[in-house]
C-alpha atoms as a PDB file:
ATOM      1  CA  MET A   1     -53.871  -7.462  51.983  1.00  0.00           C
ATOM      2  CA  THR A   2     -50.118  -9.021  52.356  1.00  0.00           C
ATOM      3  CA  MET A   3     -49.276 -12.331  50.643  1.00  0.00           C
ATOM      4  CA  ASP A   4     -47.396 -14.810  52.965  1.00  0.00           C
ATOM      5  CA  LYS A   5     -43.732 -14.918  51.553  1.00  0.00           C
ATOM      6  CA  ASN A   6     -41.677 -17.686  52.473  1.00  0.00           C
ATOM      7  CA  PRO A   7     -37.690 -17.539  51.725  1.00  0.00           C
ATOM      8  CA  CYS A   8     -36.587 -20.538  50.363  1.00  0.00           C
ATOM      9  CA  ALA A   9     -32.497 -21.401  50.548  1.00  0.00           C
ATOM     10  CA  VAL A  10     -31.492 -22.334  47.329  1.00  0.00           C
ATOM     11  CA  VAL A  11     -28.556 -23.562  44.873  1.00  0.00           C
ATOM     12  CA  LEU A  12     -29.248 -22.620  41.427  1.00  0.00           C
ATOM     13  CA  TYR A  13     -26.785 -23.540  38.538  1.00  0.00           C
ATOM     14  CA  THR A  14     -26.198 -22.210  34.917  1.00  0.00           C
ATOM     15  CA  ARG A  15     -23.532 -23.203  32.768  1.00  0.00           C
ATOM     16  CA  THR A  16     -20.619 -20.959  33.951  1.00  0.00           C
ATOM     17  CA  HIS A  17     -21.880 -20.142  37.887  1.00  0.00           C
ATOM     18  CA  ARG A  18     -23.245 -21.561  41.027  1.00  0.00           C
ATOM     19  CA  ILE A  19     -25.485 -19.136  42.640  1.00  0.00           C
ATOM     20  CA  GLU A  20     -26.690 -19.588  46.449  1.00  0.00           C
ATOM     21  CA  GLY A  21     -29.311 -17.438  48.076  1.00  0.00           C
ATOM     22  CA  ASN A  22     -32.930 -16.967  48.855  1.00  0.00           C
ATOM     23  CA  LEU A  23     -35.635 -17.555  46.337  1.00  0.00           C
ATOM     24  CA  ILE A  24     -38.796 -16.117  47.494  1.00  0.00           C
ATOM     25  CA  LEU A  25     -42.062 -18.513  47.358  1.00  0.00           C
ATOM     26  CA  LEU A  26     -45.423 -17.370  48.145  1.00  0.00           C
ATOM     27  CA  LYS A  27     -47.586 -19.305  50.241  1.00  0.00           C
ATOM     28  CA  GLY A  28     -48.370 -22.847  48.690  1.00  0.00           C
ATOM     29  CA  GLU A  29     -45.943 -22.309  45.962  1.00  0.00           C
ATOM     30  CA  GLN A  30     -43.101 -24.688  44.729  1.00  0.00           C
ATOM     31  CA  LEU A  31     -39.625 -24.273  43.169  1.00  0.00           C
ATOM     32  CA  SER A  32     -41.029 -25.724  40.137  1.00  0.00           C
ATOM     33  CA  ASP A  33     -43.761 -23.220  39.797  1.00  0.00           C
ATOM     34  CA  LYS A  34     -41.144 -20.449  39.853  1.00  0.00           C
ATOM     35  CA  LEU A  35     -39.613 -22.005  36.682  1.00  0.00           C
ATOM     36  CA  ASN A  36     -42.612 -22.841  34.893  1.00  0.00           C
ATOM     37  CA  VAL A  37     -44.469 -19.373  35.170  1.00  0.00           C
ATOM     38  CA  THR A  38     -43.870 -18.393  31.194  1.00  0.00           C
ATOM     39  CA  ASP A  39     -44.735 -14.819  31.623  1.00  0.00           C
ATOM     40  CA  ARG A  40     -41.716 -14.010  33.775  1.00  0.00           C
ATOM     41  CA  LYS A  41     -38.392 -14.177  32.139  1.00  0.00           C
ATOM     42  CA  PHE A  42     -36.127 -13.379  35.238  1.00  0.00           C
ATOM     43  CA  GLU A  43     -36.239 -14.472  39.106  1.00  0.00           C
ATOM     44  CA  ALA A  44     -34.825 -12.854  41.912  1.00  0.00           C
ATOM     45  CA  ILE A  45     -32.330 -14.355  44.257  1.00  0.00           C
ATOM     46  CA  GLU A  46     -31.765 -12.407  47.436  1.00  0.00           C
ATOM     47  CA  ASN A  47     -28.544 -12.452  49.393  1.00  0.00           C
ATOM     48  CA  ALA A  48     -26.651 -13.952  46.485  1.00  0.00           C
ATOM     49  CA  ARG A  49     -23.444 -15.479  46.421  1.00  0.00           C
ATOM     50  CA  VAL A  50     -22.248 -16.243  42.749  1.00  0.00           C
ATOM     51  CA  TYR A  51     -19.284 -18.626  42.171  1.00  0.00           C
ATOM     52  CA  THR A  52     -17.398 -19.937  39.217  1.00  0.00           C
ATOM     53  CA  LEU A  53     -18.075 -23.766  38.409  1.00  0.00           C
ATOM     54  CA  ASP A  54     -14.437 -24.218  37.959  1.00  0.00           C
ATOM     55  CA  GLY A  55     -12.842 -23.907  41.075  1.00  0.00           C
ATOM     56  CA  GLY A  56     -15.680 -22.577  43.534  1.00  0.00           C
ATOM     57  CA  GLN A  57     -14.272 -19.268  43.492  1.00  0.00           C
ATOM     58  CA  LEU A  58     -16.698 -16.473  44.662  1.00  0.00           C
ATOM     59  CA  VAL A  59     -16.937 -13.704  42.196  1.00  0.00           C
ATOM     60  CA  HIS A  60     -19.817 -11.612  43.408  1.00  0.00           C
ATOM     61  CA  GLU A  61     -22.198 -10.956  46.364  1.00  0.00           C
ATOM     62  CA  ALA A  62     -25.112  -8.913  46.281  1.00  0.00           C
ATOM     63  CA  PRO A  63     -28.532  -8.292  48.078  1.00  0.00           C
ATOM     64  CA  MET A  64     -30.246  -9.287  45.013  1.00  0.00           C
ATOM     65  CA  VAL A  65     -29.646 -10.752  41.457  1.00  0.00           C
ATOM     66  CA  ALA A  66     -32.039 -11.472  38.579  1.00  0.00           C
ATOM     67  CA  VAL A  67     -31.358 -14.618  36.833  1.00  0.00           C
ATOM     68  CA  ASN A  68     -32.694 -15.285  33.477  1.00  0.00           C
ATOM     69  CA  LYS A  69     -34.638 -18.642  33.366  1.00  0.00           C
ATOM     70  CA  ASP A  70     -33.303 -19.529  30.054  1.00  0.00           C
ATOM     71  CA  HIS A  71     -29.848 -19.859  31.764  1.00  0.00           C
ATOM     72  CA  VAL A  72     -30.793 -22.054  34.741  1.00  0.00           C
ATOM     73  CA  THR A  73     -29.881 -25.747  34.291  1.00  0.00           C
ATOM     74  CA  LEU A  74     -30.347 -26.924  37.811  1.00  0.00           C
ATOM     75  CA  LEU A  75     -32.327 -25.491  40.810  1.00  0.00           C
ATOM     76  CA  THR A  76     -32.547 -27.549  44.357  1.00  0.00           C
ATOM     77  CA  PRO A  77     -33.188 -26.287  47.895  1.00  0.00           C
ATOM     78  CA  ARG A  78     -30.050 -25.992  50.050  1.00  0.00           C
ATOM     79  CA  ASP A  79     -29.432 -27.977  53.131  1.00  0.00           C
ATOM     80  CA  ALA A  80     -29.918 -25.859  56.291  1.00  0.00           C
END
């Protein structure tokens, strides 16, 4: 049995970085659901681009980065 997965383009902020990429949501799941799951400390961001907050310089690109949810200060859908 396969689960319906939907990539959601997001912008995620920590105290030191802005991360743009795709967060995979399951059918019926919302962004807030991802942050409220307490048994998972990290979330995967696919096709990630990591920028500095001061100046917006691209510092890293990767097929996937794992972000500690304790460090997320803001998460929002990215406009298409």
